[in-house]
């Protein structure tokens, strides 16, 4: 549910710790390659990187948090998500 935001958070943490060099173009390209290209290649889907109408994601810090738990409709099953309660980037499609 928050996979993209968690990947961006991991890159952000890598930058903070100095594991990744802070070059905006390099970070942007690495994220595109990881989030867009690798999955398409793995699942043998059409490469859309040259499409005119390629949709993009917009990430913003808006105080969004990962929910504490998720319950099924009957309430008989409850799952605690990875990093529950932590703040993540908000994501919307453009």
N, C-alpha and C. Protein backbone atom coordinates (compact mmCIF):
# COMPACT_ATOMS: atom_id res chain seq x y z
N UNK A 1 0.80 -1.19 0.00
CA UNK A 1 0.00 0.00 0.00
C UNK A 1 0.86 1.27 0.00
N UNK A 2 2.01 1.21 0.63
CA UNK A 2 2.92 2.37 0.67
C UNK A 2 4.29 2.01 0.12
N UNK A 3 4.37 1.05 -0.78
CA UNK A 3 5.67 0.56 -1.25
C UNK A 3 6.51 1.67 -1.87
N UNK A 4 5.92 2.48 -2.73
CA UNK A 4 6.68 3.56 -3.38
C UNK A 4 7.21 4.54 -2.35
N UNK A 5 6.36 4.93 -1.40
CA UNK A 5 6.78 5.87 -0.38
C UNK A 5 7.90 5.29 0.49
N UNK A 6 7.84 4.00 0.77
CA UNK A 6 8.89 3.37 1.58
C UNK A 6 10.21 3.30 0.81
N UNK A 7 10.15 3.06 -0.48
CA UNK A 7 11.38 3.07 -1.30
C UNK A 7 11.99 4.47 -1.28
N UNK A 8 11.18 5.50 -1.47
CA UNK A 8 11.68 6.87 -1.45
C UNK A 8 12.24 7.20 -0.07
N UNK A 9 11.58 6.74 0.97
CA UNK A 9 12.09 6.95 2.33
C UNK A 9 13.43 6.27 2.55
N UNK A 10 13.60 5.09 1.96
CA UNK A 10 14.88 4.37 2.09
C UNK A 10 16.00 5.14 1.37
N UNK A 11 15.69 5.69 0.20
CA UNK A 11 16.68 6.50 -0.52
C UNK A 11 17.01 7.75 0.29
N UNK A 12 15.99 8.37 0.85
CA UNK A 12 16.18 9.55 1.68
C UNK A 12 17.11 9.23 2.86
N UNK A 13 16.88 8.09 3.49
CA UNK A 13 17.73 7.66 4.61
C UNK A 13 19.16 7.37 4.14
N UNK A 14 19.30 6.75 2.96
CA UNK A 14 20.62 6.50 2.40
C UNK A 14 21.38 7.79 2.14
N UNK A 15 20.68 8.81 1.65
CA UNK A 15 21.30 10.12 1.45
C UNK A 15 21.74 10.73 2.77
N UNK A 16 20.86 10.64 3.77
CA UNK A 16 21.15 11.22 5.09
C UNK A 16 22.39 10.57 5.72
N UNK A 17 22.51 9.25 5.53
CA UNK A 17 23.64 8.52 6.12
C UNK A 17 24.89 8.55 5.25
N UNK A 18 24.79 9.14 4.05
CA UNK A 18 25.95 9.23 3.18
C UNK A 18 26.20 7.98 2.35
N UNK A 19 25.28 7.04 2.35
CA UNK A 19 25.44 5.82 1.56
C UNK A 19 25.19 6.08 0.08
N UNK A 20 24.41 7.12 -0.20
CA UNK A 20 24.11 7.53 -1.56
C UNK A 20 24.58 8.97 -1.71
N UNK A 21 25.27 9.25 -2.79
CA UNK A 21 25.75 10.61 -3.03
C UNK A 21 24.59 11.51 -3.43
N UNK A 22 24.60 12.73 -2.90
CA UNK A 22 23.49 13.64 -3.14
C UNK A 22 23.65 14.38 -4.48
N UNK A 23 23.19 13.74 -5.52
CA UNK A 23 23.16 14.31 -6.86
C UNK A 23 21.72 14.10 -7.33
N UNK A 24 20.95 15.18 -7.36
CA UNK A 24 19.51 15.06 -7.63
C UNK A 24 19.22 14.28 -8.90
N UNK A 25 19.97 14.53 -9.96
CA UNK A 25 19.72 13.83 -11.22
C UNK A 25 19.96 12.34 -11.07
N UNK A 26 21.02 11.97 -10.39
CA UNK A 26 21.34 10.56 -10.18
C UNK A 26 20.26 9.88 -9.35
N UNK A 27 19.82 10.53 -8.28
CA UNK A 27 18.79 9.96 -7.41
C UNK A 27 17.48 9.83 -8.17
N UNK A 28 17.09 10.84 -8.92
CA UNK A 28 15.86 10.79 -9.70
C UNK A 28 15.92 9.66 -10.72
N UNK A 29 17.02 9.53 -11.43
CA UNK A 29 17.17 8.46 -12.42
C UNK A 29 17.16 7.08 -11.76
N UNK A 30 17.80 6.96 -10.61
CA UNK A 30 17.82 5.67 -9.89
C UNK A 30 16.41 5.28 -9.46
N UNK A 31 15.64 6.25 -8.97
CA UNK A 31 14.26 5.96 -8.57
C UNK A 31 13.41 5.57 -9.77
N UNK A 32 13.54 6.28 -10.87
CA UNK A 32 12.79 5.93 -12.08
C UNK A 32 13.13 4.52 -12.52
N UNK A 33 14.42 4.22 -12.54
CA UNK A 33 14.87 2.91 -12.99
C UNK A 33 14.32 1.81 -12.07
N UNK A 34 14.37 2.04 -10.77
CA UNK A 34 13.91 1.03 -9.82
C UNK A 34 12.40 0.90 -9.82
N UNK A 35 11.69 2.02 -9.74
CA UNK A 35 10.23 1.99 -9.61
C UNK A 35 9.49 1.76 -10.92
N UNK A 36 10.06 2.18 -12.03
CA UNK A 36 9.37 2.06 -13.31
C UNK A 36 9.92 0.93 -14.17
N UNK A 37 11.21 0.94 -14.38
CA UNK A 37 11.80 0.06 -15.39
C UNK A 37 11.99 -1.39 -14.94
N UNK A 38 12.49 -1.61 -13.74
CA UNK A 38 12.79 -2.99 -13.31
C UNK A 38 11.55 -3.87 -13.25
N UNK A 39 10.46 -3.35 -12.70
CA UNK A 39 9.23 -4.13 -12.61
C UNK A 39 8.69 -4.50 -13.98
N UNK A 40 8.70 -3.54 -14.90
CA UNK A 40 8.22 -3.79 -16.26
C UNK A 40 9.08 -4.86 -16.92
N UNK A 41 10.39 -4.78 -16.73
CA UNK A 41 11.29 -5.75 -17.35
C UNK A 41 11.05 -7.14 -16.74
N UNK A 42 10.91 -7.21 -15.41
CA UNK A 42 10.70 -8.49 -14.73
C UNK A 42 9.42 -9.17 -15.21
N UNK A 43 8.33 -8.39 -15.32
CA UNK A 43 7.04 -8.95 -15.73
C UNK A 43 6.85 -8.95 -17.24
N UNK A 44 7.90 -8.59 -17.98
CA UNK A 44 7.87 -8.59 -19.45
C UNK A 44 6.73 -7.73 -20.01
N UNK A 45 6.59 -6.53 -19.42
CA UNK A 45 5.57 -5.59 -19.88
C UNK A 45 6.18 -4.58 -20.84
N UNK A 46 5.35 -3.96 -21.63
CA UNK A 46 5.78 -2.97 -22.61
C UNK A 46 6.51 -1.82 -21.92
N UNK A 47 7.62 -1.39 -22.53
CA UNK A 47 8.38 -0.24 -22.03
C UNK A 47 7.61 1.03 -22.40
N UNK A 48 7.20 1.80 -21.41
CA UNK A 48 6.42 3.01 -21.66
C UNK A 48 7.24 4.29 -21.51
N UNK A 49 8.55 4.16 -21.35
CA UNK A 49 9.37 5.33 -21.07
C UNK A 49 9.38 6.35 -22.22
N UNK A 50 9.06 5.94 -23.44
CA UNK A 50 9.04 6.86 -24.57
C UNK A 50 7.64 7.38 -24.90
N UNK A 51 6.64 6.95 -24.14
CA UNK A 51 5.26 7.36 -24.41
C UNK A 51 5.07 8.85 -24.10
N UNK A 52 4.28 9.53 -24.94
CA UNK A 52 3.98 10.95 -24.74
C UNK A 52 3.19 11.18 -23.45
N UNK A 53 2.28 10.28 -23.17
CA UNK A 53 1.34 10.49 -22.07
C UNK A 53 1.68 9.66 -20.84
N UNK A 54 2.95 9.49 -20.61
CA UNK A 54 3.37 8.72 -19.44
C UNK A 54 2.92 9.43 -18.16
N UNK A 55 2.24 8.71 -17.29
CA UNK A 55 1.81 9.29 -16.01
C UNK A 55 2.98 9.36 -15.06
N UNK A 56 2.97 10.33 -14.20
CA UNK A 56 4.05 10.51 -13.23
C UNK A 56 3.45 10.56 -11.84
N UNK A 57 4.28 10.25 -10.86
CA UNK A 57 3.83 10.38 -9.48
C UNK A 57 4.41 11.65 -8.89
N UNK A 58 3.66 12.24 -7.99
CA UNK A 58 4.09 13.43 -7.27
C UNK A 58 4.14 13.04 -5.80
N UNK A 59 5.29 13.27 -5.18
CA UNK A 59 5.46 12.95 -3.77
C UNK A 59 5.56 14.25 -2.99
N UNK A 60 4.84 14.30 -1.86
CA UNK A 60 4.82 15.50 -1.02
C UNK A 60 4.84 15.08 0.45
N UNK A 61 5.47 15.89 1.27
CA UNK A 61 5.42 15.68 2.72
C UNK A 61 4.18 16.40 3.24
N UNK A 62 3.18 15.61 3.64
CA UNK A 62 1.91 16.18 4.11
C UNK A 62 1.50 15.63 5.46
N UNK A 63 2.39 14.91 6.12
CA UNK A 63 2.06 14.34 7.42
C UNK A 63 1.30 13.03 7.35
N UNK A 64 1.24 12.40 6.16
CA UNK A 64 0.56 11.11 6.02
C UNK A 64 1.31 10.05 6.82
N UNK A 65 0.55 9.20 7.47
CA UNK A 65 1.14 8.12 8.28
C UNK A 65 0.61 6.77 7.83
N UNK A 66 1.45 5.76 8.00
CA UNK A 66 1.01 4.39 7.72
C UNK A 66 0.05 4.00 8.84
N UNK A 67 -1.09 3.45 8.46
CA UNK A 67 -2.10 3.11 9.47
C UNK A 67 -1.56 2.08 10.47
N UNK A 68 -2.12 2.13 11.68
CA UNK A 68 -1.65 1.25 12.76
C UNK A 68 -1.99 -0.21 12.51
N UNK A 69 -3.15 -0.45 11.92
CA UNK A 69 -3.52 -1.83 11.61
C UNK A 69 -4.59 -1.84 10.51
N UNK A 70 -4.73 -3.00 9.89
CA UNK A 70 -5.73 -3.20 8.84
C UNK A 70 -6.55 -4.42 9.24
N UNK A 71 -7.88 -4.27 9.22
CA UNK A 71 -8.77 -5.38 9.58
C UNK A 71 -9.59 -5.80 8.37
N UNK A 72 -9.91 -7.10 8.31
CA UNK A 72 -10.79 -7.55 7.23
C UNK A 72 -12.22 -7.09 7.53
N UNK A 73 -13.13 -7.29 6.58
CA UNK A 73 -14.51 -6.78 6.70
C UNK A 73 -15.23 -7.31 7.93
N UNK A 74 -14.96 -8.55 8.31
CA UNK A 74 -15.67 -9.13 9.45
C UNK A 74 -14.98 -8.83 10.78
N UNK A 75 -13.77 -8.26 10.71
CA UNK A 75 -13.05 -7.94 11.94
C UNK A 75 -12.39 -9.14 12.59
N UNK A 76 -12.34 -10.25 11.88
CA UNK A 76 -11.75 -11.47 12.46
C UNK A 76 -10.25 -11.57 12.24
N UNK A 77 -9.72 -10.69 11.39
CA UNK A 77 -8.30 -10.73 11.09
C UNK A 77 -7.75 -9.31 11.13
N UNK A 78 -6.63 -9.14 11.81
CA UNK A 78 -5.99 -7.83 11.90
C UNK A 78 -4.51 -7.98 11.56
N UNK A 79 -4.02 -7.09 10.70
CA UNK A 79 -2.62 -7.11 10.29
C UNK A 79 -1.99 -5.77 10.67
N UNK A 80 -0.78 -5.82 11.21
CA UNK A 80 -0.05 -4.60 11.53
C UNK A 80 0.97 -4.36 10.41
N UNK A 81 0.81 -3.28 9.65
CA UNK A 81 1.70 -3.02 8.52
C UNK A 81 3.13 -2.71 8.97
N UNK A 82 4.07 -2.99 8.07
CA UNK A 82 5.46 -2.61 8.27
C UNK A 82 5.55 -1.11 8.50
N UNK A 83 6.24 -0.71 9.53
CA UNK A 83 6.43 0.70 9.89
C UNK A 83 5.12 1.41 10.23
N UNK A 84 4.19 0.68 10.83
CA UNK A 84 2.90 1.28 11.19
C UNK A 84 3.11 2.52 12.06
N UNK A 85 2.29 3.53 11.81
CA UNK A 85 2.33 4.77 12.57
C UNK A 85 3.41 5.75 12.12
N UNK A 86 4.33 5.32 11.27
CA UNK A 86 5.40 6.21 10.82
C UNK A 86 4.93 7.14 9.70
N UNK A 87 5.51 8.33 9.65
CA UNK A 87 5.17 9.28 8.60
C UNK A 87 5.83 8.83 7.29
N UNK A 88 5.08 8.98 6.19
CA UNK A 88 5.59 8.67 4.86
C UNK A 88 5.23 9.80 3.91
N UNK A 89 5.87 9.79 2.76
CA UNK A 89 5.52 10.74 1.71
C UNK A 89 4.10 10.46 1.23
N UNK A 90 3.36 11.52 0.91
CA UNK A 90 2.06 11.36 0.27
C UNK A 90 2.29 11.22 -1.22
N UNK A 91 1.50 10.38 -1.87
CA UNK A 91 1.68 10.10 -3.29
C UNK A 91 0.40 10.39 -4.04
N UNK A 92 0.52 11.05 -5.18
CA UNK A 92 -0.62 11.22 -6.08
C UNK A 92 -0.12 11.10 -7.51
N UNK A 93 -1.01 10.72 -8.41
CA UNK A 93 -0.68 10.57 -9.82
C UNK A 93 -0.94 11.86 -10.55
N UNK A 94 -0.08 12.18 -11.50
CA UNK A 94 -0.22 13.40 -12.30
C UNK A 94 -0.35 13.00 -13.75
